[in-house]
Amino acid sequence: MASGILGQVIPTALANTLVYTVPANKLASFSILVCNKSGVTVNTRIAISTSASTPDGKEYIEYESAIPGSEIG
């Protein structure tokens, strides 16, 4: 089983950002860390989607979760 970093991004505010695509006929197990490098609280959304389009409501695993400034959530 492969291991390591599957993806890293610095996303644009208010934009959906694809971080990793699991290859066809494969299964992935992973952890997600969100780091807020700014000095103010930001909200984040995380979805696991079966397509590259905009996630629908049931695909979100975090929605508007507050990450305090200079912290990891």
N, C-alpha and C. Protein backbone atom coordinates (compact mmCIF):
# COMPACT_ATOMS: atom_id res chain seq x y z
N MET A 1 0.85 -1.18 0.00
CA MET A 1 0.00 0.00 0.00
C MET A 1 0.88 1.23 0.00
N ALA A 2 0.60 2.14 -0.91
CA ALA A 2 1.35 3.40 -0.98
C ALA A 2 1.00 4.29 0.20
N SER A 3 1.92 5.16 0.56
CA SER A 3 1.66 6.11 1.64
C SER A 3 2.37 7.42 1.31
N GLY A 4 2.01 8.46 2.03
CA GLY A 4 2.64 9.76 1.82
C GLY A 4 1.60 10.84 1.62
N ILE A 5 2.07 11.98 1.15
CA ILE A 5 1.19 13.12 0.94
C ILE A 5 0.45 12.94 -0.38
N LEU A 6 -0.88 12.99 -0.32
CA LEU A 6 -1.70 12.82 -1.52
C LEU A 6 -1.98 14.13 -2.21
N GLY A 7 -1.94 15.24 -1.50
CA GLY A 7 -2.20 16.53 -2.11
C GLY A 7 -2.02 17.66 -1.12
N GLN A 8 -1.62 18.82 -1.64
CA GLN A 8 -1.49 20.03 -0.85
C GLN A 8 -1.92 21.20 -1.71
N VAL A 9 -2.66 22.13 -1.14
CA VAL A 9 -3.08 23.31 -1.88
C VAL A 9 -3.15 24.52 -0.95
N ILE A 10 -3.03 25.69 -1.56
CA ILE A 10 -3.40 26.94 -0.91
C ILE A 10 -4.58 27.43 -1.73
N PRO A 11 -5.80 27.17 -1.26
CA PRO A 11 -6.99 27.46 -2.08
C PRO A 11 -7.31 28.95 -2.18
N THR A 12 -8.01 29.29 -3.23
CA THR A 12 -8.53 30.63 -3.41
C THR A 12 -9.82 30.75 -2.60
N ALA A 13 -9.99 31.87 -1.94
CA ALA A 13 -11.21 32.09 -1.15
C ALA A 13 -12.45 31.97 -2.03
N LEU A 14 -13.48 31.38 -1.48
CA LEU A 14 -14.79 31.25 -2.12
C LEU A 14 -14.77 30.43 -3.41
N ALA A 15 -13.81 29.49 -3.51
CA ALA A 15 -13.73 28.65 -4.70
C ALA A 15 -13.58 27.19 -4.29
N ASN A 16 -14.27 26.31 -4.99
CA ASN A 16 -14.06 24.88 -4.77
C ASN A 16 -12.69 24.51 -5.33
N THR A 17 -11.93 23.71 -4.58
CA THR A 17 -10.58 23.35 -4.99
C THR A 17 -10.42 21.83 -4.89
N LEU A 18 -10.11 21.21 -6.00
CA LEU A 18 -9.86 19.77 -6.02
C LEU A 18 -8.47 19.50 -5.48
N VAL A 19 -8.36 18.62 -4.49
CA VAL A 19 -7.07 18.33 -3.88
C VAL A 19 -6.53 16.99 -4.35
N TYR A 20 -7.39 15.98 -4.46
CA TYR A 20 -6.91 14.66 -4.84
C TYR A 20 -8.03 13.88 -5.52
N THR A 21 -7.67 13.12 -6.52
CA THR A 21 -8.61 12.24 -7.20
C THR A 21 -8.13 10.81 -7.03
N VAL A 22 -8.96 9.97 -6.48
CA VAL A 22 -8.62 8.55 -6.32
C VAL A 22 -8.67 7.88 -7.69
N PRO A 23 -7.63 7.14 -8.07
CA PRO A 23 -7.65 6.47 -9.37
C PRO A 23 -8.84 5.49 -9.47
N ALA A 24 -9.29 5.29 -10.70
CA ALA A 24 -10.41 4.37 -10.95
C ALA A 24 -10.11 3.00 -10.37
N ASN A 25 -11.14 2.37 -9.81
CA ASN A 25 -11.06 1.03 -9.22
C ASN A 25 -10.10 0.94 -8.04
N LYS A 26 -9.86 2.07 -7.37
CA LYS A 26 -8.99 2.11 -6.19
C LYS A 26 -9.76 2.69 -5.02
N LEU A 27 -9.24 2.48 -3.83
CA LEU A 27 -9.83 2.98 -2.59
C LEU A 27 -8.75 3.77 -1.87
N ALA A 28 -9.10 4.89 -1.27
CA ALA A 28 -8.13 5.71 -0.54
C ALA A 28 -8.58 5.89 0.90
N SER A 29 -7.61 5.88 1.79
CA SER A 29 -7.83 6.18 3.20
C SER A 29 -6.89 7.35 3.53
N PHE A 30 -7.41 8.39 4.16
CA PHE A 30 -6.59 9.58 4.34
C PHE A 30 -7.04 10.39 5.55
N SER A 31 -6.18 11.31 5.96
CA SER A 31 -6.48 12.30 6.99
C SER A 31 -6.42 13.67 6.33
N ILE A 32 -7.18 14.61 6.87
CA ILE A 32 -7.19 15.97 6.34
C ILE A 32 -6.79 16.93 7.45
N LEU A 33 -5.83 17.79 7.15
CA LEU A 33 -5.44 18.86 8.07
C LEU A 33 -5.66 20.18 7.35
N VAL A 34 -6.21 21.17 8.08
CA VAL A 34 -6.43 22.50 7.54
C VAL A 34 -5.63 23.46 8.41
N CYS A 35 -4.77 24.24 7.78
CA CYS A 35 -3.94 25.21 8.50
C CYS A 35 -4.35 26.62 8.10
N ASN A 36 -4.65 27.43 9.07
CA ASN A 36 -4.99 28.83 8.83
C ASN A 36 -3.75 29.67 9.11
N LYS A 37 -3.08 30.13 8.06
CA LYS A 37 -1.86 30.91 8.21
C LYS A 37 -2.12 32.39 8.51
N SER A 38 -3.36 32.82 8.39
CA SER A 38 -3.68 34.23 8.64
C SER A 38 -3.84 34.47 10.15
N GLY A 39 -3.95 35.71 10.50
CA GLY A 39 -4.11 36.06 11.91
C GLY A 39 -5.55 36.18 12.37
N VAL A 40 -6.51 35.91 11.46
CA VAL A 40 -7.92 36.02 11.80
C VAL A 40 -8.63 34.69 11.57
N THR A 41 -9.74 34.50 12.25
CA THR A 41 -10.53 33.28 12.08
C THR A 41 -11.10 33.22 10.67
N VAL A 42 -11.03 32.03 10.07
CA VAL A 42 -11.63 31.79 8.76
C VAL A 42 -12.55 30.58 8.85
N ASN A 43 -13.50 30.49 7.94
CA ASN A 43 -14.39 29.33 7.88
C ASN A 43 -13.98 28.45 6.71
N THR A 44 -14.08 27.16 6.88
CA THR A 44 -13.69 26.22 5.84
C THR A 44 -14.80 25.22 5.57
N ARG A 45 -14.84 24.72 4.36
CA ARG A 45 -15.78 23.66 3.97
C ARG A 45 -14.97 22.53 3.34
N ILE A 46 -15.31 21.31 3.70
CA ILE A 46 -14.63 20.13 3.13
C ILE A 46 -15.70 19.16 2.67
N ALA A 47 -15.56 18.71 1.42
CA ALA A 47 -16.51 17.74 0.85
C ALA A 47 -15.74 16.60 0.22
N ILE A 48 -16.33 15.44 0.25
CA ILE A 48 -15.82 14.28 -0.47
C ILE A 48 -16.87 13.97 -1.53
N SER A 49 -16.48 14.14 -2.78
CA SER A 49 -17.44 14.08 -3.88
C SER A 49 -17.11 12.95 -4.85
N THR A 50 -18.12 12.45 -5.50
CA THR A 50 -17.93 11.39 -6.51
C THR A 50 -17.74 11.99 -7.90
N SER A 51 -17.76 13.31 -8.01
CA SER A 51 -17.54 13.96 -9.30
C SER A 51 -16.73 15.24 -9.08
N ALA A 52 -16.24 15.81 -10.16
CA ALA A 52 -15.45 17.04 -10.06
C ALA A 52 -16.31 18.29 -10.05
N SER A 53 -17.62 18.13 -10.12
CA SER A 53 -18.51 19.29 -10.11
C SER A 53 -18.69 19.82 -8.69
N THR A 54 -19.47 20.87 -8.56
CA THR A 54 -19.75 21.45 -7.25
C THR A 54 -20.40 20.41 -6.35
N PRO A 55 -19.85 20.19 -5.14
CA PRO A 55 -20.45 19.21 -4.23
C PRO A 55 -21.87 19.59 -3.85
N ASP A 56 -22.72 18.57 -3.64
CA ASP A 56 -24.05 18.88 -3.13
C ASP A 56 -24.03 18.74 -1.61
N GLY A 57 -25.10 19.13 -0.98
CA GLY A 57 -25.16 19.21 0.48
C GLY A 57 -24.75 17.95 1.22
N LYS A 58 -25.11 16.79 0.72
CA LYS A 58 -24.81 15.55 1.45
C LYS A 58 -23.35 15.13 1.37
N GLU A 59 -22.54 15.78 0.50
CA GLU A 59 -21.14 15.40 0.34
C GLU A 59 -20.20 16.15 1.28
N TYR A 60 -20.71 17.15 1.99
CA TYR A 60 -19.86 17.91 2.91
C TYR A 60 -19.64 17.13 4.21
N ILE A 61 -18.38 17.09 4.63
CA ILE A 61 -18.07 16.49 5.93
C ILE A 61 -17.74 17.57 6.97
N GLU A 62 -17.45 18.78 6.49
CA GLU A 62 -17.30 19.98 7.32
C GLU A 62 -17.94 21.12 6.55
N TYR A 63 -18.68 21.99 7.24
CA TYR A 63 -19.33 23.10 6.57
C TYR A 63 -19.28 24.33 7.44
N GLU A 64 -18.58 25.35 6.97
CA GLU A 64 -18.41 26.61 7.70
C GLU A 64 -17.77 26.37 9.08
N SER A 65 -16.81 25.47 9.13
CA SER A 65 -16.09 25.20 10.37
C SER A 65 -15.07 26.30 10.61
N ALA A 66 -15.12 26.93 11.77
CA ALA A 66 -14.22 28.04 12.10
C ALA A 66 -12.84 27.52 12.49
N ILE A 67 -11.81 28.09 11.85
CA ILE A 67 -10.42 27.79 12.19
C ILE A 67 -9.80 29.10 12.68
N PRO A 68 -9.46 29.20 13.97
CA PRO A 68 -8.88 30.43 14.50
C PRO A 68 -7.57 30.80 13.78
N GLY A 69 -7.22 32.07 13.82
CA GLY A 69 -5.99 32.53 13.19
C GLY A 69 -4.76 31.81 13.71
N SER A 70 -3.86 31.49 12.79
CA SER A 70 -2.58 30.83 13.10
C SER A 70 -2.75 29.50 13.80
N GLU A 71 -3.79 28.75 13.44
CA GLU A 71 -4.04 27.45 14.06
C GLU A 71 -4.30 26.38 13.00
N ILE A 72 -4.33 25.14 13.46
CA ILE A 72 -4.64 23.99 12.62
C ILE A 72 -5.96 23.42 13.09
N GLY A 73 -6.84 23.12 12.15
CA GLY A 73 -8.15 22.59 12.51
C GLY A 73 -8.39 21.25 11.90
